[in-house]
Structure formats: structure tokens, C-alpha cells
Protein backbone atom coordinates (compact mmCIF):
# COMPACT_ATOMS: atom_id res chain seq x y z
CA PHE A 1 22.24 7.01 -16.72
CA GLU A 2 19.52 8.66 -14.63
CA ILE A 3 19.35 11.76 -16.84
CA SER A 4 19.02 9.74 -20.05
CA ARG A 5 16.06 7.64 -18.92
CA PRO A 6 12.82 8.04 -20.92
CA GLU A 7 10.08 10.11 -19.31
CA LEU A 8 6.45 10.90 -19.98
CA LYS A 9 5.63 14.59 -20.42
CA LEU A 10 1.99 15.08 -19.52
CA ALA A 11 0.15 18.19 -18.30
CA GLY A 12 3.39 19.83 -17.19
CA VAL A 13 4.45 16.76 -15.18
CA ARG A 14 7.51 14.64 -16.01
CA ILE A 15 6.83 11.02 -15.06
CA ASP A 16 9.15 8.02 -14.70
CA ALA A 17 6.79 5.26 -15.84
CA GLU A 18 8.92 2.44 -14.38
CA GLN A 19 8.88 3.97 -10.92
CA TRP A 20 5.45 5.63 -10.91
CA SER A 21 7.24 8.77 -9.74
CA ARG A 22 8.52 12.11 -10.95
CA SER A 23 11.51 11.69 -13.22
CA ARG A 24 15.10 12.71 -12.49
CA MET A 25 14.74 12.81 -8.71
CA SER A 26 17.71 13.43 -6.48
CA TYR A 27 18.47 10.81 -3.82
CA TYR A 28 20.48 9.83 -0.75
CA THR A 29 22.81 6.84 -0.59
CA GLY A 30 22.68 6.45 3.20
CA LEU A 31 21.16 7.79 6.40
CA SER A 32 22.72 8.34 9.82
CA ILE A 33 21.46 9.83 13.08
CA VAL A 34 23.51 12.27 15.15
CA SER A 35 22.69 13.95 18.45
CA ALA A 36 21.18 17.42 18.28
CA ASP A 37 24.31 19.07 19.68
CA THR A 38 26.68 17.43 17.14
CA ILE A 39 28.22 19.60 14.44
CA VAL A 40 27.80 18.14 10.97
CA PRO A 41 29.41 16.74 8.95
CA ALA A 42 30.15 14.51 11.94
CA SER A 43 32.92 11.98 12.40
CA PRO A 44 31.98 8.30 11.96
CA GLU A 45 32.15 7.62 15.69
CA ASP A 46 29.51 10.31 16.31
CA THR A 47 27.01 8.90 13.79
CA HIS A 48 24.44 6.14 14.16
CA PRO A 49 23.74 4.67 10.70
CA ILE A 50 20.36 3.36 9.59
CA THR A 51 20.70 -0.30 8.57
CA GLY A 52 18.59 -3.17 7.29
CA TYR A 53 17.42 -1.87 3.91
CA PRO A 54 18.82 -3.27 0.62
CA GLU A 55 22.45 -2.29 0.13
CA GLY A 56 23.02 0.16 -2.71
CA SER A 57 19.45 1.48 -2.71
CA TRP A 58 18.67 5.10 -3.50
CA LEU A 59 16.72 6.75 -0.68
CA ASN A 60 14.02 9.43 -0.88
CA TYR A 61 11.15 10.99 1.09
CA VAL A 62 12.79 10.90 4.53
CA SER A 63 10.50 11.89 7.41
CA TRP A 64 10.51 11.77 11.23
CA SER A 65 7.48 10.59 13.17
CA PRO A 66 5.90 13.40 15.26
CA ASN A 67 7.20 11.86 18.51
CA GLY A 68 10.72 11.40 17.11
CA LYS A 69 10.78 7.63 17.70
CA HIS A 70 10.82 6.56 14.05
CA ILE A 71 12.25 7.61 10.70
CA THR A 72 10.53 6.67 7.46
CA PHE A 73 12.00 6.73 3.97
CA THR A 74 11.63 5.10 0.58
CA THR A 75 14.01 2.86 -1.34
CA ARG A 76 14.43 2.32 -5.08
CA SER A 77 16.88 0.51 -7.31
CA PRO A 78 19.49 2.57 -9.21
CA GLY A 79 18.81 0.33 -12.20
CA GLY A 80 22.44 -0.07 -13.17
CA THR A 81 24.28 -3.18 -14.26
CA GLY A 82 23.84 -5.86 -11.62
CA ASP A 83 21.14 -3.92 -9.75
CA PRO A 84 17.61 -5.23 -9.13
CA PRO A 85 14.99 -4.20 -11.69
CA ARG A 86 13.62 -0.69 -11.29
CA GLY A 87 10.10 -0.35 -9.97
CA PRO A 88 7.82 1.74 -7.74
CA LEU A 89 9.28 3.02 -4.48
CA GLN A 90 9.03 0.93 -1.29
CA LEU A 91 8.28 2.45 2.13
CA TRP A 92 10.60 1.63 5.05
CA ILE A 93 10.67 2.58 8.73
CA ALA A 94 13.62 2.68 11.14
CA ASP A 95 13.73 2.74 14.93
CA ALA A 96 15.48 5.96 15.93
CA THR A 97 17.13 4.26 18.93
CA THR A 98 18.54 1.14 17.27
CA GLY A 99 18.74 2.37 13.67
CA LYS A 100 17.29 -0.94 12.45
CA ALA A 101 14.96 -0.56 9.46
CA ARG A 102 12.12 -2.75 8.21
CA PRO A 103 9.75 -2.52 5.23
CA LEU A 104 6.15 -1.35 5.55
CA LEU A 105 3.03 -2.21 3.54
CA GLY A 106 4.10 -5.72 2.52
CA ASN A 107 4.12 -6.04 -1.26
CA ARG A 108 2.34 -2.72 -1.84
CA ARG A 109 4.41 -0.01 -3.50
CA LEU A 110 3.99 3.75 -3.54
CA ASN A 111 2.72 5.94 -6.35
CA THR A 112 4.67 9.16 -5.83
CA VAL A 113 3.65 11.04 -8.97
CA PHE A 114 1.57 13.44 -6.85
CA SER A 115 1.89 12.29 -3.23
CA SER A 116 3.92 9.77 -1.24
CA TYR A 117 2.96 9.39 2.43
CA GLU A 118 2.33 11.46 5.55
CA TRP A 119 2.43 10.89 9.28
CA ILE A 120 -1.00 11.74 10.73
CA ASP A 121 -0.10 10.98 14.36
CA ASP A 122 2.73 9.39 16.34
CA ASN A 123 1.93 5.88 15.10
CA THR A 124 -0.11 6.18 11.90
CA ILE A 125 0.89 6.81 8.29
CA VAL A 126 -1.38 7.43 5.33
CA ALA A 127 0.25 6.37 2.06
CA ALA A 128 -0.57 6.67 -1.63
CA VAL A 129 -0.05 3.23 -3.17
CA LEU A 130 -0.55 1.70 -6.59
CA PRO A 131 -4.17 0.60 -7.04
CA GLU A 132 -4.58 -3.09 -6.28
CA GLY A 133 -4.62 -5.21 -9.44
CA VAL A 134 -3.51 -2.33 -11.66
CA SER A 135 -3.44 -3.38 -15.31
CA SER A 136 -1.14 -2.47 -18.18
CA PRO A 137 -1.03 1.19 -19.30
CA PRO A 138 -3.42 2.34 -22.04
CA ALA A 139 -2.39 1.30 -25.52
CA LYS A 140 -1.80 4.02 -28.05
CA PRO A 141 -4.42 3.92 -30.84
CA PRO A 142 -2.96 2.55 -34.10
CA VAL A 143 -4.49 5.47 -36.01
CA PRO A 144 -5.28 9.03 -34.90
CA LEU A 145 -8.67 9.51 -33.24
CA GLY A 146 -9.41 12.35 -35.62
CA PRO A 147 -7.84 15.14 -37.66
CA LYS A 148 -6.18 18.10 -35.94
CA ILE A 149 -7.63 21.22 -37.51
CA GLN A 150 -6.29 24.77 -37.20
CA ASP A 151 -8.30 27.64 -38.64
CA ASN A 152 -7.07 31.17 -39.12
CA SER A 153 -9.40 32.20 -41.90
CA ASN A 154 -10.36 35.41 -40.11
CA GLY A 155 -6.74 36.54 -40.01
CA LYS A 156 -6.85 37.22 -36.26
CA LYS A 157 -3.45 37.19 -34.53
CA SER A 158 -3.19 35.41 -31.21
CA GLN A 159 -0.35 34.57 -28.87
CA ASN A 160 0.99 31.05 -28.94
CA ARG A 161 0.44 28.96 -25.81
CA THR A 162 3.34 28.96 -23.36
CA TRP A 163 2.30 26.07 -21.11
CA THR A 164 4.55 23.04 -21.44
CA ASP A 165 3.49 19.50 -22.29
CA LEU A 166 -0.25 20.05 -22.52
CA LEU A 167 -2.46 16.99 -23.01
CA LYS A 168 -2.94 16.69 -26.76
CA ASP A 169 -5.72 14.11 -27.04
CA GLU A 170 -7.80 11.52 -25.20
CA TYR A 171 -4.91 9.07 -25.19
CA ASP A 172 -2.70 11.55 -23.32
CA GLY A 173 -5.53 12.06 -20.83
CA ASP A 174 -5.94 8.32 -20.29
CA VAL A 175 -2.19 7.84 -19.69
CA PHE A 176 -2.09 10.81 -17.30
CA GLU A 177 -4.97 9.38 -15.25
CA TYR A 178 -3.41 5.90 -15.31
CA TYR A 179 -0.10 7.00 -13.78
CA GLY A 180 -1.66 9.67 -11.55
CA ALA A 181 -4.21 7.41 -9.84
CA SER A 182 -3.39 5.97 -6.42
CA GLU A 183 -5.19 4.29 -3.53
CA LEU A 184 -4.91 5.68 0.00
CA VAL A 185 -4.17 3.23 2.83
CA THR A 186 -3.24 3.64 6.47
CA VAL A 187 -0.72 1.66 8.49
CA ASN A 188 -0.11 1.63 12.24
CA VAL A 189 3.63 1.23 12.67
CA ASN A 190 3.30 -0.29 16.15
CA GLU A 191 0.24 -2.50 15.89
CA ASP A 192 0.08 -3.78 12.29
CA ALA A 193 1.94 -7.04 11.73
CA GLU A 194 4.95 -7.18 9.43
CA GLY A 195 3.73 -7.74 5.89
CA HIS A 196 0.42 -5.94 6.54
CA GLU A 197 -0.49 -4.16 3.31
CA GLY A 198 -2.36 -1.29 4.91
CA THR A 199 -5.99 -0.58 5.70
CA PRO A 200 -7.90 0.92 2.75
CA LEU A 201 -8.84 4.53 3.37
CA ALA A 202 -9.98 5.89 -0.01
CA PRO A 203 -10.59 4.33 -3.45
CA PRO A 204 -8.26 4.71 -6.45
CA ARG A 205 -8.33 8.19 -7.99
CA MET A 206 -5.98 11.12 -8.54
CA TYR A 207 -4.97 12.64 -5.18
CA THR A 208 -2.88 15.80 -5.29
CA GLU A 209 -1.44 17.88 -2.49
């Protein structure tokens, strides 16, 4: 069912509007830690599974902290029958020693259309989240904003454009900016209390890597 989901095709980017992410992403169904000298795939007794996140979640954007003490990743719902509703990805962190995971950023969710998050030191993450109080997406105008005119009265031959999914009008531009805009926040994984929604770092706009 993942391949058949609707997607927005804007400026060469394929967007999953329900998840505020790129569409048709691959995913993991579980994470385990093994020692550096273990040959993989490893036997179950040689693995240390990450636990504590919602069972059945799809996992993405896995990253180690620079000091190797933590592992971060995102969770999302598969959206199948009996699954929780689909929505933007949630950031989680796991202790590399115990394997126990906990959510970060409280109720804030990531906008991963262009960026997700990055470790900037051993304890601090900067994350691209949905702008606070984000409203509904732009409504499509009931009538066209104007006629689309093509003129070849001079008979000049020109090559057709080869770029995919170009923005066609102002509405496409508004939708692209709506789903591409995120707010940057920082979180200290050791000092910030559980449920802390991050410290604002930069205002909502389109941030690209």
C-alpha cells in the first residue's frame, strides 16, 4: 500500500503530504546493537535490541551521537488496517548501553521534506520541525488565476523542457512553500526534561541541505 499512496509532485520533489516527508521512503522494522567485532548478520544472542518505541513502527533516519553513547531515529505509522493514523515523523533517542528508547521534542514532529535533524555535538541536536500552529494547506482556487497562453507565431523551433514536475502557477508555489517550511529547534539530550519541545533556533522558512 506504500507505493499506491497519493503524492505531491512539486519542483522535482515528491512529497507525502500526510507525513510531511518525501514519498515512498524505505524503512527499518527494528534496530539492534552488536559489538564491533561481531560478524553480521549476527545470532540473536549476540544482538542487543533497541526497545521502548511503539511496536510495529517503521524506522528511518538512524544516527549515532558523536561520542557513541546514543542512537537517534524516527518512527512513523505504517498506516495499515489497525495501525495508528499516519502523520509526521517523531524523533526518538536510545541509550547505547541499555537499548532503552524515549521520545524527544514532546509533541513536536519533524518536517523531513528537505532536512530532518543533525547532531552538532555529543549532547545537542538541531531538528527541523513543523512550524508551531501550522494551519491547513492552501486551498486550490475554484477557477484558474488566468489563461495559459502559448505563442509560436514566429515559427521558431525550440526544445521542450525536460525538467520534471515544474511549478505551474502561484498555487503550486504556495503549496511547495507550505510543505517545505520548517522551524529549527535545538534539544540537549542530557539536560532537557522529557517532553521539552526544543529551544527555538531559527524562524519558519525553507531550509535545505
